[in-house]
Amino acid sequence: MINVGFIGAGNMGFAIMKGIAESGLCKSIDMYATSPSIQLSAFDTDSEKLKRLEQFNVSGCTSAKELAEKCKYVFLAIKPQQLDEALAEIKDNITSDTVIISICAGITGEYIKSKTIHDAKVVLVMPNTPLLLREGASALARVEPVSDDEFELVCRIFSSCGEIAVIPKDKMKEIIAINGSSPAFIYLYAKAFAEYAESVGIENTVALKLFAKTLIGSAKMITDSGNTIDELIKMVSSKGGTTLAGLEKLREGDLEGIVKKACEACTKRAYELSK
């Protein structure tokens, strides 16, 4: 039995635990019957958040300290502002065998080591909210001395909730704009299309249904068609047609430049929050 615990059972912690439970990882971590299963535990100051996890057979803990005592894998599924308090509480229960998985934006492995033990095993992760639907995208970075097997298990956990990518630990702040914050940017983009639809007499629900499906289909074209982004744009853009007229306005407004500035602002804030 592998004990995996979550300090924090908010939206992201809930999403990851839900993904683990629904994927079958609680029964076995791989295809072989001899593999140990995962036992989930969680602690949150809000007892209601723990209650909704009962359906996934997650054991509630009375404190972060209790959780760290019983679990080899300890997820820090909390806000960066809550991190110092949590680490102070579990510090004495962190051993050289514990694997700490942090989804706190801007927090470095070195900072976590400085607040626990110098040789702490740390995995940094930047997930996103679509994990709630098991359609997430998570970037992971391993901090020494995490072993191959330990890192593989963490990768399997996040794979159960969507796609993963392994990146260098010194790029964890830059990746936030790409997959961590980008859902909010996409939702704002969708909102603008829905508002346009309403302005011309098309129901909001109809517009969002069509636009959302278009987003899904367009994403599949990016990942599965084999075409470059420029080629995909060209496929939609007939000479002298409606799409080119719209693209011209987007380029006049410097859409690509605005996106770059949004990503840079996101990364700048990540460095400001960095510890």
C-alpha atoms as a PDB file:
ATOM      1  CA  MET A   1       0.000   0.000   0.000  1.00  0.00           C
ATOM      2  CA  ILE A   2       1.333   3.421  -0.995  1.00  0.00           C
ATOM      3  CA  ASN A   3       0.052   6.250   1.177  1.00  0.00           C
ATOM      4  CA  VAL A   4      -0.605   9.468  -0.754  1.00  0.00           C
ATOM      5  CA  GLY A   5      -1.820  12.510   1.158  1.00  0.00           C
ATOM      6  CA  PHE A   6      -3.114  15.944   0.223  1.00  0.00           C
ATOM      7  CA  ILE A   7      -2.741  19.034   2.358  1.00  0.00           C
ATOM      8  CA  GLY A   8      -5.566  21.064   0.838  1.00  0.00           C
ATOM      9  CA  ALA A   9      -8.783  19.686  -0.645  1.00  0.00           C
ATOM     10  CA  GLY A  10      -9.876  22.678  -2.706  1.00  0.00           C
ATOM     11  CA  ASN A  11     -10.663  22.555  -6.415  1.00  0.00           C
ATOM     12  CA  MET A  12      -7.223  21.410  -7.537  1.00  0.00           C
ATOM     13  CA  GLY A  13      -6.639  18.910  -4.739  1.00  0.00           C
ATOM     14  CA  PHE A  14     -10.134  17.543  -5.242  1.00  0.00           C
ATOM     15  CA  ALA A  15      -9.561  17.245  -9.006  1.00  0.00           C
ATOM     16  CA  ILE A  16      -6.346  15.278  -8.590  1.00  0.00           C
ATOM     17  CA  MET A  17      -7.815  12.913  -5.988  1.00  0.00           C
ATOM     18  CA  LYS A  18     -10.898  12.425  -8.167  1.00  0.00           C
ATOM     19  CA  GLY A  19      -8.643  11.580 -11.114  1.00  0.00           C
ATOM     20  CA  ILE A  20      -6.665   9.060  -9.064  1.00  0.00           C
ATOM     21  CA  ALA A  21      -9.828   7.369  -7.772  1.00  0.00           C
ATOM     22  CA  GLU A  22     -11.625   7.219 -11.121  1.00  0.00           C
ATOM     23  CA  SER A  23      -8.575   6.031 -13.055  1.00  0.00           C
ATOM     24  CA  GLY A  24      -8.162   2.896 -10.975  1.00  0.00           C
ATOM     25  CA  LEU A  25      -4.823   3.935  -9.488  1.00  0.00           C
ATOM     26  CA  CYS A  26      -6.238   3.204  -6.041  1.00  0.00           C
ATOM     27  CA  LYS A  27      -6.501  -0.421  -7.121  1.00  0.00           C
ATOM     28  CA  SER A  28      -3.098  -0.678  -8.751  1.00  0.00           C
ATOM     29  CA  ILE A  29      -0.393   1.692  -9.893  1.00  0.00           C
ATOM     30  CA  ASP A  30       0.207  -0.331 -13.028  1.00  0.00           C
ATOM     31  CA  MET A  31      -1.027  -3.309 -14.979  1.00  0.00           C
ATOM     32  CA  TYR A  32       0.596  -5.930 -12.766  1.00  0.00           C
ATOM     33  CA  ALA A  33      -1.427  -7.512  -9.986  1.00  0.00           C
ATOM     34  CA  THR A  34       1.581  -7.548  -7.676  1.00  0.00           C
ATOM     35  CA  SER A  35       1.808  -3.740  -7.670  1.00  0.00           C
ATOM     36  CA  PRO A  36       0.753  -2.000  -4.472  1.00  0.00           C
ATOM     37  CA  SER A  37      -2.369   0.113  -4.496  1.00  0.00           C
ATOM     38  CA  ILE A  38      -2.699   3.761  -3.465  1.00  0.00           C
ATOM     39  CA  GLN A  39      -4.450   4.808  -0.272  1.00  0.00           C
ATOM     40  CA  LEU A  40      -5.573   8.442  -0.344  1.00  0.00           C
ATOM     41  CA  SER A  41      -5.670  10.744   2.669  1.00  0.00           C
ATOM     42  CA  ALA A  42      -6.425  14.449   2.944  1.00  0.00           C
ATOM     43  CA  PHE A  43      -6.428  17.321   5.380  1.00  0.00           C
ATOM     44  CA  ASP A  44      -8.223  20.635   5.018  1.00  0.00           C
ATOM     45  CA  THR A  45      -9.306  23.216   7.567  1.00  0.00           C
ATOM     46  CA  ASP A  46     -12.747  23.152   5.885  1.00  0.00           C
ATOM     47  CA  SER A  47     -14.414  19.896   6.947  1.00  0.00           C
ATOM     48  CA  GLU A  48     -17.017  20.221   4.182  1.00  0.00           C
ATOM     49  CA  LYS A  49     -14.279  19.808   1.594  1.00  0.00           C
ATOM     50  CA  LEU A  50     -13.272  16.537   3.211  1.00  0.00           C
ATOM     51  CA  LYS A  51     -16.851  15.274   3.231  1.00  0.00           C
ATOM     52  CA  ARG A  52     -17.150  15.490  -0.548  1.00  0.00           C
ATOM     53  CA  LEU A  53     -14.104  13.205  -0.823  1.00  0.00           C
ATOM     54  CA  GLU A  54     -15.773  10.363   1.053  1.00  0.00           C
ATOM     55  CA  GLN A  55     -17.243   9.103  -2.241  1.00  0.00           C
ATOM     56  CA  PHE A  56     -13.661   8.376  -3.361  1.00  0.00           C
ATOM     57  CA  ASN A  57     -12.740   6.559  -0.117  1.00  0.00           C
ATOM     58  CA  VAL A  58     -10.322   9.306   0.906  1.00  0.00           C
ATOM     59  CA  SER A  59      -9.393   9.141   4.591  1.00  0.00           C
ATOM     60  CA  GLY A  60      -9.671  12.457   6.407  1.00  0.00           C
ATOM     61  CA  CYS A  61      -6.865  13.569   8.722  1.00  0.00           C
ATOM     62  CA  THR A  62      -7.233  15.896  11.689  1.00  0.00           C
ATOM     63  CA  SER A  63      -4.063  17.845  10.919  1.00  0.00           C
ATOM     64  CA  ALA A  64      -1.331  18.312   8.343  1.00  0.00           C
ATOM     65  CA  LYS A  65       1.075  16.790  10.875  1.00  0.00           C
ATOM     66  CA  GLU A  66      -0.979  13.588  11.085  1.00  0.00           C
ATOM     67  CA  LEU A  67      -1.072  13.369   7.301  1.00  0.00           C
ATOM     68  CA  ALA A  68       2.688  13.801   6.953  1.00  0.00           C
ATOM     69  CA  GLU A  69       3.256  11.117   9.585  1.00  0.00           C
ATOM     70  CA  LYS A  70       1.345   8.470   7.608  1.00  0.00           C
ATOM     71  CA  CYS A  71       2.062   9.386   3.974  1.00  0.00           C
ATOM     72  CA  LYS A  72       5.152   8.869   1.834  1.00  0.00           C
ATOM     73  CA  TYR A  73       3.800  11.189  -0.885  1.00  0.00           C
ATOM     74  CA  VAL A  74       2.644  14.557   0.466  1.00  0.00           C
ATOM     75  CA  PHE A  75       0.861  16.946  -1.890  1.00  0.00           C
ATOM     76  CA  LEU A  76       0.926  20.654  -1.076  1.00  0.00           C
ATOM     77  CA  ALA A  77      -2.381  21.568  -2.745  1.00  0.00           C
ATOM     78  CA  ILE A  78      -2.639  24.956  -1.074  1.00  0.00           C
ATOM     79  CA  LYS A  79      -2.127  28.623  -1.907  1.00  0.00           C
ATOM     80  CA  PRO A  80       1.454  29.943  -1.711  1.00  0.00           C
ATOM     81  CA  GLN A  81       0.348  32.236   1.121  1.00  0.00           C
ATOM     82  CA  GLN A  82      -0.525  29.160   3.218  1.00  0.00           C
ATOM     83  CA  LEU A  83       2.713  27.333   2.519  1.00  0.00           C
ATOM     84  CA  ASP A  84       4.916  28.524   5.379  1.00  0.00           C
ATOM     85  CA  GLU A  85       2.360  27.547   8.006  1.00  0.00           C
ATOM     86  CA  ALA A  86       1.874  24.105   6.469  1.00  0.00           C
ATOM     87  CA  LEU A  87       5.601  23.413   6.148  1.00  0.00           C
ATOM     88  CA  ALA A  88       6.229  24.516   9.722  1.00  0.00           C
ATOM     89  CA  GLU A  89       3.590  22.039  10.909  1.00  0.00           C
ATOM     90  CA  ILE A  90       4.921  19.051   8.960  1.00  0.00           C
ATOM     91  CA  LYS A  91       8.663  19.798   9.127  1.00  0.00           C
ATOM     92  CA  ASP A  92       9.408  17.311  11.915  1.00  0.00           C
ATOM     93  CA  ASN A  93       7.596  14.530  10.037  1.00  0.00           C
ATOM     94  CA  ILE A  94       9.447  14.927   6.746  1.00  0.00           C
ATOM     95  CA  THR A  95      12.101  12.263   6.248  1.00  0.00           C
ATOM     96  CA  SER A  96      14.540  11.417   3.484  1.00  0.00           C
ATOM     97  CA  ASP A  97      11.911   8.935   2.241  1.00  0.00           C
ATOM     98  CA  THR A  98       9.099  11.502   1.922  1.00  0.00           C
ATOM     99  CA  VAL A  99       8.244  12.893  -1.519  1.00  0.00           C
ATOM    100  CA  ILE A 100       6.760  16.389  -1.419  1.00  0.00           C
ATOM    101  CA  ILE A 101       4.680  17.393  -4.438  1.00  0.00           C
ATOM    102  CA  SER A 102       4.036  21.133  -4.670  1.00  0.00           C
ATOM    103  CA  ILE A 103       1.468  22.772  -6.936  1.00  0.00           C
ATOM    104  CA  CYS A 104       2.122  26.194  -5.375  1.00  0.00           C
ATOM    105  CA  ALA A 105       2.860  28.764  -8.095  1.00  0.00           C
ATOM    106  CA  GLY A 106       6.304  30.327  -7.894  1.00  0.00           C
ATOM    107  CA  ILE A 107       7.575  28.102  -5.069  1.00  0.00           C
ATOM    108  CA  THR A 108      10.966  26.505  -5.680  1.00  0.00           C
ATOM    109  CA  GLY A 109      12.246  23.162  -4.526  1.00  0.00           C
ATOM    110  CA  GLU A 110      15.113  24.924  -2.732  1.00  0.00           C
ATOM    111  CA  TYR A 111      12.641  26.927  -0.658  1.00  0.00           C
ATOM    112  CA  ILE A 112      10.751  23.792   0.392  1.00  0.00           C
ATOM    113  CA  LYS A 113      14.058  22.146   1.352  1.00  0.00           C
ATOM    114  CA  SER A 114      15.019  25.196   3.416  1.00  0.00           C
ATOM    115  CA  LYS A 115      11.771  24.888   5.390  1.00  0.00           C
ATOM    116  CA  THR A 116      11.918  21.106   5.888  1.00  0.00           C
ATOM    117  CA  ILE A 117      15.125  19.093   5.462  1.00  0.00           C
ATOM    118  CA  HIS A 118      18.102  19.839   3.233  1.00  0.00           C
ATOM    119  CA  ASP A 119      17.786  16.583   1.265  1.00  0.00           C
ATOM    120  CA  ALA A 120      13.997  16.654   0.881  1.00  0.00           C
ATOM    121  CA  LYS A 121      12.621  15.011  -2.243  1.00  0.00           C
ATOM    122  CA  VAL A 122      10.496  17.528  -4.161  1.00  0.00           C
ATOM    123  CA  VAL A 123       8.445  17.415  -7.351  1.00  0.00           C
ATOM    124  CA  LEU A 124       7.144  20.734  -8.689  1.00  0.00           C
ATOM    125  CA  VAL A 125       3.904  20.681 -10.665  1.00  0.00           C
ATOM    126  CA  MET A 126       1.887  23.314 -12.526  1.00  0.00           C
ATOM    127  CA  PRO A 127      -1.553  21.808 -13.225  1.00  0.00           C
ATOM    128  CA  ASN A 128      -4.716  23.563 -14.417  1.00  0.00           C
ATOM    129  CA  THR A 129      -8.416  23.524 -13.567  1.00  0.00           C
ATOM    130  CA  PRO A 130      -9.543  21.233 -16.448  1.00  0.00           C
ATOM    131  CA  LEU A 131      -8.161  18.450 -14.247  1.00  0.00           C
ATOM    132  CA  LEU A 132     -11.659  18.581 -12.712  1.00  0.00           C
ATOM    133  CA  LEU A 133     -12.881  16.894 -15.902  1.00  0.00           C
ATOM    134  CA  ARG A 134      -9.762  14.736 -16.300  1.00  0.00           C
ATOM    135  CA  GLU A 135      -8.833  16.934 -19.257  1.00  0.00           C
ATOM    136  CA  GLY A 136      -6.028  18.818 -17.567  1.00  0.00           C
ATOM    137  CA  ALA A 137      -2.518  19.729 -18.646  1.00  0.00           C
ATOM    138  CA  SER A 138       0.238  19.480 -16.040  1.00  0.00           C
ATOM    139  CA  ALA A 139       3.911  20.440 -16.249  1.00  0.00           C
ATOM    140  CA  LEU A 140       6.230  18.546 -13.879  1.00  0.00           C
ATOM    141  CA  ALA A 141       9.811  19.056 -12.771  1.00  0.00           C
ATOM    142  CA  ARG A 142      11.862  16.703 -10.623  1.00  0.00           C
ATOM    143  CA  VAL A 143      14.160  18.039  -7.922  1.00  0.00           C
ATOM    144  CA  GLU A 144      16.991  15.772  -6.733  1.00  0.00           C
ATOM    145  CA  PRO A 145      17.149  13.323  -5.016  1.00  0.00           C
ATOM    146  CA  VAL A 146      13.733  12.061  -6.215  1.00  0.00           C
ATOM    147  CA  SER A 147      14.206   8.575  -7.663  1.00  0.00           C
ATOM    148  CA  ASP A 148      13.032   7.409 -11.075  1.00  0.00           C
ATOM    149  CA  ASP A 149      10.339   5.197  -9.541  1.00  0.00           C
ATOM    150  CA  GLU A 150       9.066   7.976  -7.284  1.00  0.00           C
ATOM    151  CA  PHE A 151       8.890  10.458 -10.130  1.00  0.00           C
ATOM    152  CA  GLU A 152       7.189   7.882 -12.341  1.00  0.00           C
ATOM    153  CA  LEU A 153       4.406   7.460  -9.782  1.00  0.00           C
ATOM    154  CA  VAL A 154       3.824  11.218  -9.601  1.00  0.00           C
ATOM    155  CA  CYS A 155       3.703  11.339 -13.408  1.00  0.00           C
ATOM    156  CA  ARG A 156       1.136   8.510 -13.416  1.00  0.00           C
ATOM    157  CA  ILE A 157      -1.010  10.374 -10.922  1.00  0.00           C
ATOM    158  CA  PHE A 158      -1.168  13.486 -13.092  1.00  0.00           C
ATOM    159  CA  SER A 159      -1.550  11.424 -16.268  1.00  0.00           C
ATOM    160  CA  SER A 160      -4.748  10.072 -14.711  1.00  0.00           C
ATOM    161  CA  CYS A 161      -6.148  13.626 -14.921  1.00  0.00           C
ATOM    162  CA  GLY A 162      -4.984  14.572 -18.425  1.00  0.00           C
ATOM    163  CA  GLU A 163      -1.792  15.287 -20.352  1.00  0.00           C
ATOM    164  CA  ILE A 164       1.603  15.822 -18.755  1.00  0.00           C
ATOM    165  CA  ALA A 165       4.943  17.267 -19.828  1.00  0.00           C
ATOM    166  CA  VAL A 166       8.259  17.096 -17.994  1.00  0.00           C
ATOM    167  CA  ILE A 167      10.222  20.362 -18.056  1.00  0.00           C
ATOM    168  CA  PRO A 168      13.370  21.750 -16.391  1.00  0.00           C
ATOM    169  CA  LYS A 169      12.764  23.032 -12.866  1.00  0.00           C
ATOM    170  CA  ASP A 170      14.081  26.499 -13.802  1.00  0.00           C
ATOM    171  CA  LYS A 171      11.181  26.918 -16.272  1.00  0.00           C
ATOM    172  CA  MET A 172       8.363  26.287 -13.789  1.00  0.00           C
ATOM    173  CA  LYS A 173       7.544  29.999 -13.535  1.00  0.00           C
ATOM    174  CA  GLU A 174       7.536  30.545 -17.290  1.00  0.00           C
ATOM    175  CA  ILE A 175       5.202  27.578 -17.879  1.00  0.00           C
ATOM    176  CA  ILE A 176       2.454  29.067 -15.690  1.00  0.00           C
ATOM    177  CA  ALA A 177       1.201  31.328 -18.502  1.00  0.00           C
ATOM    178  CA  ILE A 178       1.152  28.422 -20.963  1.00  0.00           C
ATOM    179  CA  ASN A 179      -1.057  25.978 -19.092  1.00  0.00           C
ATOM    180  CA  GLY A 180      -1.733  27.255 -15.582  1.00  0.00           C
ATOM    181  CA  SER A 181      -3.240  30.681 -16.244  1.00  0.00           C
ATOM    182  CA  SER A 182      -4.156  30.236 -19.906  1.00  0.00           C
ATOM    183  CA  PRO A 183      -7.616  28.727 -19.220  1.00  0.00           C
ATOM    184  CA  ALA A 184      -8.677  32.112 -17.796  1.00  0.00           C
ATOM    185  CA  PHE A 185      -7.330  33.863 -20.895  1.00  0.00           C
ATOM    186  CA  ILE A 186      -9.253  31.440 -23.115  1.00  0.00           C
ATOM    187  CA  TYR A 187     -12.460  31.979 -21.104  1.00  0.00           C
ATOM    188  CA  LEU A 188     -12.138  35.739 -21.560  1.00  0.00           C
ATOM    189  CA  TYR A 189     -11.711  35.199 -25.309  1.00  0.00           C
ATOM    190  CA  ALA A 190     -14.825  33.006 -25.337  1.00  0.00           C
ATOM    191  CA  LYS A 191     -16.756  35.629 -23.390  1.00  0.00           C
ATOM    192  CA  ALA A 192     -16.016  38.208 -26.092  1.00  0.00           C
ATOM    193  CA  PHE A 193     -17.450  35.927 -28.791  1.00  0.00           C
ATOM    194  CA  ALA A 194     -20.549  35.235 -26.698  1.00  0.00           C
ATOM    195  CA  GLU A 195     -21.079  38.969 -26.136  1.00  0.00           C
ATOM    196  CA  TYR A 196     -20.794  39.614 -29.855  1.00  0.00           C
ATOM    197  CA  ALA A 197     -23.367  36.877 -30.503  1.00  0.00           C
ATOM    198  CA  GLU A 198     -25.819  38.482 -28.089  1.00  0.00           C
ATOM    199  CA  SER A 199     -25.300  41.868 -29.723  1.00  0.00           C
ATOM    200  CA  VAL A 200     -26.496  40.450 -33.052  1.00  0.00           C
ATOM    201  CA  GLY A 201     -29.441  38.537 -31.619  1.00  0.00           C
ATOM    202  CA  ILE A 202     -27.947  35.063 -31.106  1.00  0.00           C
ATOM    203  CA  GLU A 203     -28.621  33.393 -27.753  1.00  0.00           C
ATOM    204  CA  ASN A 204     -25.657  33.209 -25.396  1.00  0.00           C
ATOM    205  CA  THR A 205     -26.131  29.481 -24.760  1.00  0.00           C
ATOM    206  CA  VAL A 206     -26.199  28.705 -28.479  1.00  0.00           C
ATOM    207  CA  ALA A 207     -23.077  30.748 -29.157  1.00  0.00           C
ATOM    208  CA  LEU A 208     -21.122  29.228 -26.285  1.00  0.00           C
ATOM    209  CA  LYS A 209     -22.112  25.699 -27.279  1.00  0.00           C
ATOM    210  CA  LEU A 210     -20.860  26.241 -30.828  1.00  0.00           C
ATOM    211  CA  PHE A 211     -17.754  28.166 -29.812  1.00  0.00           C
ATOM    212  CA  ALA A 212     -16.771  25.631 -27.125  1.00  0.00           C
ATOM    213  CA  LYS A 213     -17.051  22.772 -29.601  1.00  0.00           C
ATOM    214  CA  THR A 214     -15.003  24.803 -32.059  1.00  0.00           C
ATOM    215  CA  LEU A 215     -12.301  25.223 -29.408  1.00  0.00           C
ATOM    216  CA  ILE A 216     -12.252  21.471 -28.792  1.00  0.00           C
ATOM    217  CA  GLY A 217     -12.097  20.679 -32.497  1.00  0.00           C
ATOM    218  CA  SER A 218      -9.429  23.300 -33.149  1.00  0.00           C
ATOM    219  CA  ALA A 219      -7.316  21.919 -30.316  1.00  0.00           C
ATOM    220  CA  LYS A 220      -7.582  18.442 -31.838  1.00  0.00           C
ATOM    221  CA  MET A 221      -6.468  19.867 -35.174  1.00  0.00           C
ATOM    222  CA  ILE A 222      -3.387  21.325 -33.464  1.00  0.00           C
ATOM    223  CA  THR A 223      -2.482  18.048 -31.748  1.00  0.00           C
ATOM    224  CA  ASP A 224      -3.605  15.470 -34.333  1.00  0.00           C
ATOM    225  CA  SER A 225      -3.663  16.941 -37.851  1.00  0.00           C
ATOM    226  CA  GLY A 226       0.090  17.121 -38.372  1.00  0.00           C
ATOM    227  CA  ASN A 227      -0.209  20.678 -39.683  1.00  0.00           C
ATOM    228  CA  THR A 228       1.612  23.712 -38.319  1.00  0.00           C
ATOM    229  CA  ILE A 229      -0.332  26.587 -36.763  1.00  0.00           C
ATOM    230  CA  ASP A 230       0.254  28.743 -39.852  1.00  0.00           C
ATOM    231  CA  GLU A 231      -0.968  25.930 -42.119  1.00  0.00           C
ATOM    232  CA  LEU A 232      -4.119  25.513 -40.035  1.00  0.00           C
ATOM    233  CA  ILE A 233      -4.847  29.244 -40.227  1.00  0.00           C
ATOM    234  CA  LYS A 234      -4.406  29.113 -44.007  1.00  0.00           C
ATOM    235  CA  MET A 235      -6.844  26.166 -44.274  1.00  0.00           C
ATOM    236  CA  VAL A 236      -9.617  28.334 -42.811  1.00  0.00           C
ATOM    237  CA  SER A 237      -8.720  31.511 -44.690  1.00  0.00           C
ATOM    238  CA  SER A 238     -10.137  31.700 -48.214  1.00  0.00           C
ATOM    239  CA  LYS A 239      -8.750  34.511 -50.331  1.00  0.00           C
ATOM    240  CA  GLY A 240     -10.975  37.567 -50.039  1.00  0.00           C
ATOM    241  CA  GLY A 241     -13.229  35.774 -47.543  1.00  0.00           C
ATOM    242  CA  THR A 242     -14.719  36.468 -44.128  1.00  0.00           C
ATOM    243  CA  THR A 243     -11.939  34.858 -42.075  1.00  0.00           C
ATOM    244  CA  LEU A 244      -9.216  37.017 -43.602  1.00  0.00           C
ATOM    245  CA  ALA A 245     -11.307  40.109 -42.904  1.00  0.00           C
ATOM    246  CA  GLY A 246     -11.508  39.128 -39.236  1.00  0.00           C
ATOM    247  CA  LEU A 247      -7.832  38.149 -39.030  1.00  0.00           C
ATOM    248  CA  GLU A 248      -6.876  41.553 -40.404  1.00  0.00           C
ATOM    249  CA  LYS A 249      -8.630  43.253 -37.474  1.00  0.00           C
ATOM    250  CA  LEU A 250      -7.007  40.918 -34.946  1.00  0.00           C
ATOM    251  CA  ARG A 251      -3.598  41.721 -36.388  1.00  0.00           C
ATOM    252  CA  GLU A 252      -4.366  45.447 -36.409  1.00  0.00           C
ATOM    253  CA  GLY A 253      -5.079  45.106 -32.698  1.00  0.00           C
ATOM    254  CA  ASP A 254      -1.802  43.203 -32.252  1.00  0.00           C
ATOM    255  CA  LEU A 255      -3.447  40.111 -30.763  1.00  0.00           C
ATOM    256  CA  GLU A 256      -0.159  38.194 -30.753  1.00  0.00           C
ATOM    257  CA  GLY A 257       1.604  41.067 -29.027  1.00  0.00           C
ATOM    258  CA  ILE A 258      -1.152  41.338 -26.404  1.00  0.00           C
ATOM    259  CA  VAL A 259      -0.899  37.606 -25.681  1.00  0.00           C
ATOM    260  CA  LYS A 260       2.868  37.928 -25.267  1.00  0.00           C
ATOM    261  CA  LYS A 261       2.417  40.825 -22.843  1.00  0.00           C
ATOM    262  CA  ALA A 262      -0.153  38.824 -20.845  1.00  0.00           C
ATOM    263  CA  CYS A 263       2.274  35.895 -20.589  1.00  0.00           C
ATOM    264  CA  GLU A 264       5.136  38.194 -19.582  1.00  0.00           C
ATOM    265  CA  ALA A 265       2.989  39.806 -16.877  1.00  0.00           C
ATOM    266  CA  CYS A 266       2.017  36.353 -15.605  1.00  0.00           C
ATOM    267  CA  THR A 267       5.662  35.259 -15.448  1.00  0.00           C
ATOM    268  CA  LYS A 268       6.738  38.521 -13.784  1.00  0.00           C
ATOM    269  CA  ARG A 269       4.154  37.961 -11.039  1.00  0.00           C
ATOM    270  CA  ALA A 270       5.365  34.382 -10.593  1.00  0.00           C
ATOM    271  CA  TYR A 271       8.880  35.673  -9.897  1.00  0.00           C
ATOM    272  CA  GLU A 272       7.474  38.214  -7.443  1.00  0.00           C
ATOM    273  CA  LEU A 273       5.714  35.382  -5.581  1.00  0.00           C
ATOM    274  CA  SER A 274       8.765  33.134  -5.816  1.00  0.00           C
ATOM    275  CA  LYS A 275      10.281  31.673  -2.678  1.00  0.00           C
END
